[in-house]
Amino acid sequence: MSLVPSGQAINAEKQDLTKDAKSNLTKLAAWINDRNIPFLITSIGMIVMLLWAGSYKMTAPGAEGIVPLVSNSPLISWHFKLFGPYIGSDIIGLTEIAAAILIIAGYMKPKAGIIGGLIATLMFFMTSTMVITTPGAIISVPGIHHMRYMSFLGLFLFKDVISLGASFYLISHFGRKAIFSENQSR
């Protein structure tokens, strides 16, 4: 089984699935697919989250809020040592805003969306590891022996694992559009 989409697979992306669906359940799934709802919700949600989080990191409370997360991460703690927490947080915020702008641009220029998705993937990979490295993210609950749970902080960080998956999805979606565009221009 090839992981590289063939010409047929790219053309199948444009196919209306509603006419092939038989049961109500598959008709619903086809209706959702045909209207590109997963992409729209994922991309718009990612854009809003990146713009909002990025701009918040450029405030004093936003910068101070990520100090314990960044300071305990072996992947990015050097960042605050080099730039300090306020400039370091501004750089992280600007990176998030740049990723959002590139994802927006991806609607017209899919390769820009691929780059935005790659930036988001790198960011969310790093922040996903903070579930493990941030003190207090995983806790023991009194009375339950040998069980460890994610605290509210851990659950807050765990959303970045889901965002990592969404970033890969955006790369894939914009990649299919870019491949289709490249094949059309030949």
Protein backbone atom coordinates (compact mmCIF):
# COMPACT_ATOMS: atom_id res chain seq x y z
CA MET A 1 0.00 0.00 0.00
CA SER A 2 1.51 3.29 -1.08
CA LEU A 3 1.46 6.32 1.20
CA VAL A 4 1.92 8.62 -1.79
CA PRO A 5 -1.43 9.58 -3.30
CA SER A 6 -1.93 8.53 -6.88
CA GLY A 7 -3.63 10.69 -9.48
CA GLN A 8 -6.80 8.68 -8.89
CA ALA A 9 -6.65 9.32 -5.14
CA ILE A 10 -6.28 13.07 -5.69
CA ASN A 11 -9.21 13.09 -8.12
CA ALA A 12 -11.26 10.95 -5.70
CA GLU A 13 -10.89 13.79 -3.19
CA LYS A 14 -13.12 15.90 -5.43
CA GLN A 15 -15.68 13.10 -5.87
CA ASP A 16 -19.17 13.62 -4.45
CA LEU A 17 -19.60 10.75 -1.96
CA THR A 18 -23.28 11.41 -1.30
CA LYS A 19 -24.41 9.49 -4.38
CA ASP A 20 -22.47 6.38 -3.25
CA ALA A 21 -23.71 6.39 0.36
CA LYS A 22 -26.44 3.86 1.15
CA SER A 23 -27.35 4.07 4.85
CA ASN A 24 -28.34 7.20 6.75
CA LEU A 25 -25.11 6.98 8.71
CA THR A 26 -22.89 6.91 5.62
CA LYS A 27 -25.04 9.62 3.99
CA LEU A 28 -24.36 11.84 7.01
CA ALA A 29 -20.63 11.09 6.80
CA ALA A 30 -20.67 11.83 3.05
CA TRP A 31 -22.55 15.08 3.58
CA ILE A 32 -19.94 16.18 6.15
CA ASN A 33 -17.09 15.14 3.85
CA ASP A 34 -18.55 16.75 0.73
CA ARG A 35 -18.83 20.10 2.50
CA ASN A 36 -15.26 19.89 3.84
CA ILE A 37 -16.50 20.47 7.39
CA PRO A 38 -13.55 18.71 9.14
CA PHE A 39 -11.05 20.96 7.35
CA LEU A 40 -13.05 24.13 7.95
CA ILE A 41 -13.50 23.51 11.68
CA THR A 42 -9.90 22.34 12.15
CA SER A 43 -8.31 25.17 10.17
CA ILE A 44 -10.49 27.97 11.56
CA GLY A 45 -10.10 26.60 15.10
CA MET A 46 -6.33 26.40 14.68
CA ILE A 47 -6.15 29.93 13.25
CA VAL A 48 -8.21 31.42 16.10
CA MET A 49 -6.27 29.50 18.75
CA LEU A 50 -2.87 30.49 17.32
CA LEU A 51 -3.81 34.16 16.91
CA TRP A 52 -5.34 34.35 20.38
CA ALA A 53 -2.58 32.42 22.18
CA GLY A 54 0.13 34.20 20.20
CA SER A 55 -1.17 37.65 21.06
CA TYR A 56 -1.66 36.68 24.72
CA LYS A 57 1.96 35.53 24.98
CA MET A 58 2.95 39.07 24.03
CA THR A 59 1.48 40.40 27.30
CA ALA A 60 3.14 40.35 30.73
CA PRO A 61 0.64 37.84 32.22
CA GLY A 62 1.00 35.61 29.15
CA ALA A 63 4.79 35.65 29.38
CA GLU A 64 4.76 35.00 33.13
CA GLY A 65 2.25 32.18 32.67
CA ILE A 66 4.49 30.12 30.41
CA VAL A 67 7.69 30.55 32.46
CA PRO A 68 7.18 27.30 34.45
CA LEU A 69 6.34 25.39 31.28
CA VAL A 70 9.26 26.63 29.18
CA SER A 71 11.78 26.62 32.04
CA ASN A 72 11.27 22.88 32.63
CA SER A 73 11.37 21.84 28.98
CA PRO A 74 14.68 20.41 27.75
CA LEU A 75 13.63 21.28 24.18
CA ILE A 76 13.04 25.01 24.65
CA SER A 77 14.38 26.11 28.06
CA TRP A 78 17.45 27.51 26.29
CA HIS A 79 15.10 30.00 24.62
CA PHE A 80 14.32 31.87 27.84
CA LYS A 81 17.95 31.68 28.96
CA LEU A 82 19.00 33.34 25.71
CA PHE A 83 16.22 35.93 25.34
CA GLY A 84 14.67 36.23 28.80
CA PRO A 85 11.02 35.45 29.54
CA TYR A 86 9.44 38.57 27.99
CA ILE A 87 11.29 38.68 24.67
CA GLY A 88 11.28 34.88 24.57
CA SER A 89 7.52 34.84 25.03
CA ASP A 90 7.13 37.55 22.37
CA ILE A 91 9.09 35.38 19.91
CA ILE A 92 6.90 32.37 20.70
CA GLY A 93 3.79 34.53 20.26
CA LEU A 94 5.01 35.93 16.94
CA THR A 95 5.78 32.41 15.76
CA GLU A 96 2.22 31.34 16.57
CA ILE A 97 0.80 34.38 14.77
CA ALA A 98 3.02 33.68 11.74
CA ALA A 99 1.78 30.07 11.62
CA ALA A 100 -1.83 31.30 11.73
CA ILE A 101 -1.22 33.80 8.91
CA LEU A 102 0.41 31.09 6.79
CA ILE A 103 -2.54 28.77 7.39
CA ILE A 104 -4.89 31.58 6.29
CA ALA A 105 -2.73 32.12 3.19
CA GLY A 106 -2.98 28.37 2.56
CA TYR A 107 -6.60 28.83 1.49
CA MET A 108 -5.27 30.56 -1.63
CA LYS A 109 -1.70 29.25 -1.77
CA PRO A 110 -1.63 25.69 -0.38
CA LYS A 111 2.16 25.63 -0.01
CA ALA A 112 1.89 28.51 2.48
CA GLY A 113 -0.58 26.37 4.45
CA ILE A 114 1.92 23.51 4.43
CA ILE A 115 4.57 25.82 5.94
CA GLY A 116 2.09 27.10 8.55
CA GLY A 117 1.21 23.50 9.41
CA LEU A 118 4.89 22.59 9.71
CA ILE A 119 5.53 25.49 12.10
CA ALA A 120 2.49 24.49 14.18
CA THR A 121 3.65 20.85 14.17
CA LEU A 122 7.05 21.81 15.53
CA MET A 123 5.52 24.06 18.19
CA PHE A 124 2.93 21.51 19.31
CA PHE A 125 5.51 18.70 19.37
CA MET A 126 7.60 20.74 21.79
CA THR A 127 4.66 21.72 23.97
CA SER A 128 3.29 18.16 23.96
CA THR A 129 6.47 16.99 25.65
CA MET A 130 5.81 19.48 28.47
CA VAL A 131 3.17 17.08 29.85
CA ILE A 132 6.11 14.94 30.91
CA THR A 133 8.59 17.67 31.91
CA THR A 134 6.39 20.15 33.79
CA PRO A 135 6.19 19.54 37.55
CA GLY A 136 2.60 19.06 38.67
CA ALA A 137 1.25 18.05 35.26
CA ILE A 138 0.97 14.43 36.35
CA ILE A 139 -0.06 13.83 39.96
CA SER A 140 -0.87 11.04 42.40
CA VAL A 141 -4.36 11.06 43.82
CA PRO A 142 -4.52 10.36 47.57
CA GLY A 143 -6.19 7.07 48.43
CA ILE A 144 -5.59 5.50 45.02
CA HIS A 145 -2.33 3.59 45.17
CA HIS A 146 0.00 3.54 42.18
CA MET A 147 -2.36 5.57 39.97
CA ARG A 148 -1.15 8.78 38.39
CA TYR A 149 -3.47 11.26 36.71
CA MET A 150 -3.13 14.42 34.73
CA SER A 151 -3.84 17.53 36.77
CA PHE A 152 -5.68 20.47 35.24
CA LEU A 153 -2.27 21.72 34.12
CA GLY A 154 -1.56 18.34 32.52
CA LEU A 155 -4.91 18.35 30.73
CA PHE A 156 -4.24 21.92 29.55
CA LEU A 157 -0.94 20.76 28.08
CA PHE A 158 -2.43 17.57 26.65
CA LYS A 159 -4.61 19.59 24.28
CA ASP A 160 -1.37 20.25 22.40
CA VAL A 161 -1.16 16.54 21.54
CA ILE A 162 -4.52 16.93 19.78
CA SER A 163 -3.31 20.16 18.17
CA LEU A 164 -0.23 18.27 16.96
CA GLY A 165 -2.54 15.83 15.17
CA ALA A 166 -4.58 18.73 13.75
CA SER A 167 -1.37 20.33 12.45
CA PHE A 168 -0.43 17.12 10.64
CA TYR A 169 -3.96 17.01 9.19
CA LEU A 170 -3.56 20.58 7.87
CA ILE A 171 -0.22 19.70 6.26
CA SER A 172 -1.91 16.71 4.62
CA HIS A 173 -4.91 18.72 3.41
CA PHE A 174 -2.85 21.60 2.02
CA GLY A 175 -0.40 19.06 0.58
CA ARG A 176 -3.18 17.35 -1.40
CA LYS A 177 -4.33 20.73 -2.69
CA ALA A 178 -0.76 21.66 -3.68
CA ILE A 179 -0.21 18.32 -5.44
CA PHE A 180 -3.50 18.73 -7.31
CA SER A 181 -2.49 22.28 -8.30
CA GLU A 182 0.95 21.14 -9.46
CA ASN A 183 -0.61 18.37 -11.57
CA GLN A 184 -3.12 20.80 -13.08
CA SER A 185 -0.36 23.17 -14.22
CA ARG A 186 1.43 20.49 -16.23
